[in-house]
């Protein structure tokens, strides 16, 4: 148990995270390793990159246009 505590302090994570791979917050939210990895990637983005991600998350219909391009996102456009 002492080793787990030392690792958790060294990596700045909770002992629960080391054992389960998920972080539990007082709000009741649980965050997985994959989600933490996404957060790290988001933090590494430029402001323009963050704006693009925010647009996709805030406007799901815009994500189709962003990913496929305007021409491909509109099936009636030929």
N, C-alpha and C. Protein backbone atom coordinates (compact mmCIF):
# COMPACT_ATOMS: atom_id res chain seq x y z
N UNK A 1 0.82 -1.19 0.00
CA UNK A 1 0.00 0.00 0.00
C UNK A 1 0.87 1.26 0.00
N UNK A 2 1.96 1.22 0.75
CA UNK A 2 2.86 2.37 0.81
C UNK A 2 3.44 2.69 -0.57
N UNK A 3 3.75 1.66 -1.35
CA UNK A 3 4.29 1.85 -2.69
C UNK A 3 3.27 2.55 -3.60
N UNK A 4 2.02 2.16 -3.48
CA UNK A 4 0.96 2.80 -4.27
C UNK A 4 0.85 4.28 -3.91
N UNK A 5 0.94 4.59 -2.63
CA UNK A 5 0.88 5.99 -2.21
C UNK A 5 2.07 6.78 -2.74
N UNK A 6 3.25 6.18 -2.73
CA UNK A 6 4.44 6.86 -3.25
C UNK A 6 4.29 7.14 -4.75
N UNK A 7 3.81 6.14 -5.49
CA UNK A 7 3.60 6.33 -6.92
C UNK A 7 2.54 7.39 -7.20
N UNK A 8 1.47 7.37 -6.42
CA UNK A 8 0.40 8.35 -6.64
C UNK A 8 0.90 9.77 -6.38
N UNK A 9 1.74 9.94 -5.38
CA UNK A 9 2.30 11.26 -5.11
C UNK A 9 3.28 11.67 -6.21
N UNK A 10 4.10 10.74 -6.67
CA UNK A 10 5.08 11.03 -7.70
C UNK A 10 4.40 11.46 -9.01
N UNK A 11 3.33 10.74 -9.39
CA UNK A 11 2.63 11.03 -10.65
C UNK A 11 1.47 12.02 -10.49
N UNK A 12 1.24 12.48 -9.29
CA UNK A 12 0.16 13.44 -8.99
C UNK A 12 -1.21 12.91 -9.40
N UNK A 13 -1.46 11.67 -9.05
CA UNK A 13 -2.76 11.05 -9.27
C UNK A 13 -3.19 10.38 -7.96
N UNK A 14 -4.44 10.01 -7.91
CA UNK A 14 -4.92 9.35 -6.69
C UNK A 14 -4.52 7.87 -6.70
N UNK A 15 -4.45 7.27 -5.51
CA UNK A 15 -4.19 5.82 -5.46
C UNK A 15 -5.27 5.03 -6.20
N UNK A 16 -6.50 5.50 -6.15
CA UNK A 16 -7.60 4.84 -6.87
C UNK A 16 -7.30 4.79 -8.36
N UNK A 17 -6.78 5.89 -8.90
CA UNK A 17 -6.45 5.93 -10.33
C UNK A 17 -5.40 4.89 -10.68
N UNK A 18 -4.40 4.73 -9.84
CA UNK A 18 -3.35 3.74 -10.10
C UNK A 18 -3.89 2.32 -10.09
N UNK A 19 -4.85 2.07 -9.23
CA UNK A 19 -5.39 0.72 -9.10
C UNK A 19 -6.45 0.42 -10.15
N UNK A 20 -7.33 1.39 -10.43
CA UNK A 20 -8.47 1.13 -11.32
C UNK A 20 -8.32 1.71 -12.72
N UNK A 21 -7.41 2.68 -12.88
CA UNK A 21 -7.28 3.34 -14.17
C UNK A 21 -8.33 4.40 -14.40
N UNK A 22 -9.10 4.72 -13.36
CA UNK A 22 -10.11 5.76 -13.45
C UNK A 22 -9.98 6.70 -12.27
N UNK A 23 -10.17 7.98 -12.55
CA UNK A 23 -10.11 8.99 -11.49
C UNK A 23 -11.53 9.33 -11.07
N UNK A 24 -11.78 9.34 -9.78
CA UNK A 24 -13.11 9.67 -9.24
C UNK A 24 -13.02 11.03 -8.56
N UNK A 25 -13.95 11.90 -8.91
CA UNK A 25 -13.97 13.24 -8.34
C UNK A 25 -15.09 13.37 -7.34
N UNK A 26 -15.00 14.38 -6.48
CA UNK A 26 -16.03 14.58 -5.46
C UNK A 26 -17.38 14.88 -6.09
N UNK A 27 -17.40 15.34 -7.32
CA UNK A 27 -18.66 15.61 -8.01
C UNK A 27 -19.36 14.33 -8.43
N UNK A 28 -18.65 13.20 -8.32
CA UNK A 28 -19.21 11.93 -8.74
C UNK A 28 -18.81 11.54 -10.15
N UNK A 29 -18.11 12.44 -10.85
CA UNK A 29 -17.67 12.16 -12.20
C UNK A 29 -16.48 11.22 -12.16
N UNK A 30 -16.43 10.31 -13.13
CA UNK A 30 -15.31 9.39 -13.28
C UNK A 30 -14.64 9.66 -14.62
N UNK A 31 -13.32 9.70 -14.63
CA UNK A 31 -12.57 9.97 -15.85
C UNK A 31 -11.61 8.82 -16.09
N UNK A 32 -11.67 8.26 -17.31
CA UNK A 32 -10.80 7.12 -17.65
C UNK A 32 -9.45 7.60 -18.16
N UNK A 33 -8.53 6.66 -18.33
CA UNK A 33 -7.22 6.98 -18.90
C UNK A 33 -7.35 7.59 -20.29
N UNK A 34 -8.24 7.05 -21.09
CA UNK A 34 -8.44 7.56 -22.45
C UNK A 34 -8.93 9.01 -22.42
N UNK A 35 -9.83 9.31 -21.47
CA UNK A 35 -10.34 10.67 -21.36
C UNK A 35 -9.25 11.63 -20.86
N UNK A 36 -8.42 11.18 -19.96
CA UNK A 36 -7.32 12.00 -19.48
C UNK A 36 -6.35 12.27 -20.63
N UNK A 37 -6.11 11.27 -21.47
CA UNK A 37 -5.25 11.45 -22.63
C UNK A 37 -5.84 12.50 -23.58
N UNK A 38 -7.15 12.48 -23.79
CA UNK A 38 -7.80 13.48 -24.64
C UNK A 38 -7.66 14.89 -24.04
N UNK A 39 -7.79 14.99 -22.74
CA UNK A 39 -7.65 16.29 -22.08
C UNK A 39 -6.23 16.82 -22.27
N UNK A 40 -5.24 15.95 -22.13
CA UNK A 40 -3.85 16.36 -22.33
C UNK A 40 -3.63 16.84 -23.76
N UNK A 41 -4.19 16.13 -24.73
CA UNK A 41 -4.07 16.53 -26.13
C UNK A 41 -4.75 17.88 -26.36
N UNK A 42 -5.91 18.07 -25.76
CA UNK A 42 -6.63 19.34 -25.90
C UNK A 42 -5.79 20.48 -25.33
N UNK A 43 -5.21 20.27 -24.16
CA UNK A 43 -4.37 21.30 -23.54
C UNK A 43 -3.16 21.65 -24.40
N UNK A 44 -2.66 20.70 -25.19
CA UNK A 44 -1.49 20.93 -26.03
C UNK A 44 -1.83 21.68 -27.33
N UNK A 45 -3.11 21.79 -27.66
CA UNK A 45 -3.52 22.46 -28.89
C UNK A 45 -3.28 23.97 -28.83
N UNK A 46 -3.11 24.56 -30.00
CA UNK A 46 -3.07 26.02 -30.08
C UNK A 46 -4.49 26.54 -29.82
N UNK A 47 -4.62 27.84 -29.66
CA UNK A 47 -5.95 28.42 -29.45
C UNK A 47 -6.86 28.11 -30.64
N UNK A 48 -6.31 28.17 -31.84
CA UNK A 48 -7.10 27.87 -33.04
C UNK A 48 -7.57 26.41 -33.03
N UNK A 49 -6.69 25.51 -32.63
CA UNK A 49 -7.06 24.10 -32.54
C UNK A 49 -8.16 23.87 -31.51
N UNK A 50 -8.05 24.56 -30.36
CA UNK A 50 -9.08 24.44 -29.33
C UNK A 50 -10.42 24.97 -29.82
N UNK A 51 -10.38 26.07 -30.59
CA UNK A 51 -11.62 26.61 -31.15
C UNK A 51 -12.26 25.61 -32.11
N UNK A 52 -11.45 24.91 -32.90
CA UNK A 52 -11.99 23.91 -33.83
C UNK A 52 -12.64 22.76 -33.07
N UNK A 53 -11.99 22.29 -32.02
CA UNK A 53 -12.55 21.20 -31.21
C UNK A 53 -13.84 21.66 -30.53
N UNK A 54 -13.83 22.87 -29.99
CA UNK A 54 -15.03 23.41 -29.34
C UNK A 54 -16.18 23.51 -30.32
N UNK A 55 -15.91 23.93 -31.55
CA UNK A 55 -16.95 24.03 -32.56
C UNK A 55 -17.57 22.66 -32.83
N UNK A 56 -16.71 21.66 -32.95
CA UNK A 56 -17.21 20.30 -33.21
C UNK A 56 -18.07 19.81 -32.04
N UNK A 57 -17.61 20.05 -30.83
CA UNK A 57 -18.35 19.56 -29.67
C UNK A 57 -19.64 20.34 -29.42
N UNK A 58 -19.62 21.64 -29.71
CA UNK A 58 -20.79 22.48 -29.45
C UNK A 58 -21.83 22.39 -30.55
N UNK A 59 -21.41 22.07 -31.76
CA UNK A 59 -22.32 22.03 -32.90
C UNK A 59 -22.08 20.74 -33.68
N UNK A 60 -22.70 19.63 -33.26
CA UNK A 60 -22.42 18.34 -33.90
C UNK A 60 -22.60 18.35 -35.41
N UNK A 61 -23.56 19.12 -35.92
CA UNK A 61 -23.74 19.16 -37.37
C UNK A 61 -22.54 19.79 -38.06
N UNK A 62 -21.85 20.68 -37.37
CA UNK A 62 -20.65 21.30 -37.94
C UNK A 62 -19.51 20.30 -38.04
N UNK A 63 -19.52 19.29 -37.17
CA UNK A 63 -18.43 18.31 -37.20
C UNK A 63 -18.43 17.53 -38.49
N UNK A 64 -19.60 17.28 -39.06
CA UNK A 64 -19.68 16.56 -40.33
C UNK A 64 -19.03 17.38 -41.42
N UNK A 65 -19.32 18.66 -41.44
CA UNK A 65 -18.73 19.55 -42.43
C UNK A 65 -17.23 19.66 -42.21
N UNK A 66 -16.82 19.77 -40.97
CA UNK A 66 -15.40 19.91 -40.63
C UNK A 66 -14.62 18.68 -41.06
N UNK A 67 -15.15 17.49 -40.78
CA UNK A 67 -14.43 16.25 -41.06
C UNK A 67 -14.52 15.88 -42.53
N UNK A 68 -15.70 15.96 -43.12
CA UNK A 68 -15.88 15.51 -44.49
C UNK A 68 -15.64 16.59 -45.54
N UNK A 69 -15.78 17.81 -45.14
CA UNK A 69 -15.71 18.92 -46.09
C UNK A 69 -17.11 19.26 -46.53
N UNK A 70 -17.33 20.48 -46.88
CA UNK A 70 -18.68 20.97 -47.19
C UNK A 70 -19.34 20.19 -48.32
N UNK A 71 -18.62 19.89 -49.40
CA UNK A 71 -19.19 19.20 -50.55
C UNK A 71 -19.69 17.81 -50.16
N UNK A 72 -18.89 17.05 -49.42
CA UNK A 72 -19.25 15.69 -49.05
C UNK A 72 -20.32 15.63 -47.97
N UNK A 73 -20.46 16.67 -47.16
CA UNK A 73 -21.42 16.66 -46.07
C UNK A 73 -22.84 16.88 -46.55
N UNK A 74 -23.03 17.41 -47.74
CA UNK A 74 -24.36 17.68 -48.28
C UNK A 74 -24.63 16.71 -49.41
N UNK A 75 -25.40 15.61 -49.15
CA UNK A 75 -25.62 14.58 -50.17
C UNK A 75 -26.34 15.11 -51.41
N UNK A 76 -27.10 16.20 -51.29
CA UNK A 76 -27.82 16.72 -52.45
C UNK A 76 -26.92 17.56 -53.34
N UNK A 77 -25.73 17.90 -52.84
CA UNK A 77 -24.78 18.72 -53.61
C UNK A 77 -23.93 17.82 -54.49
N UNK A 78 -24.03 17.99 -55.80
CA UNK A 78 -23.24 17.15 -56.72
C UNK A 78 -22.54 17.96 -57.74
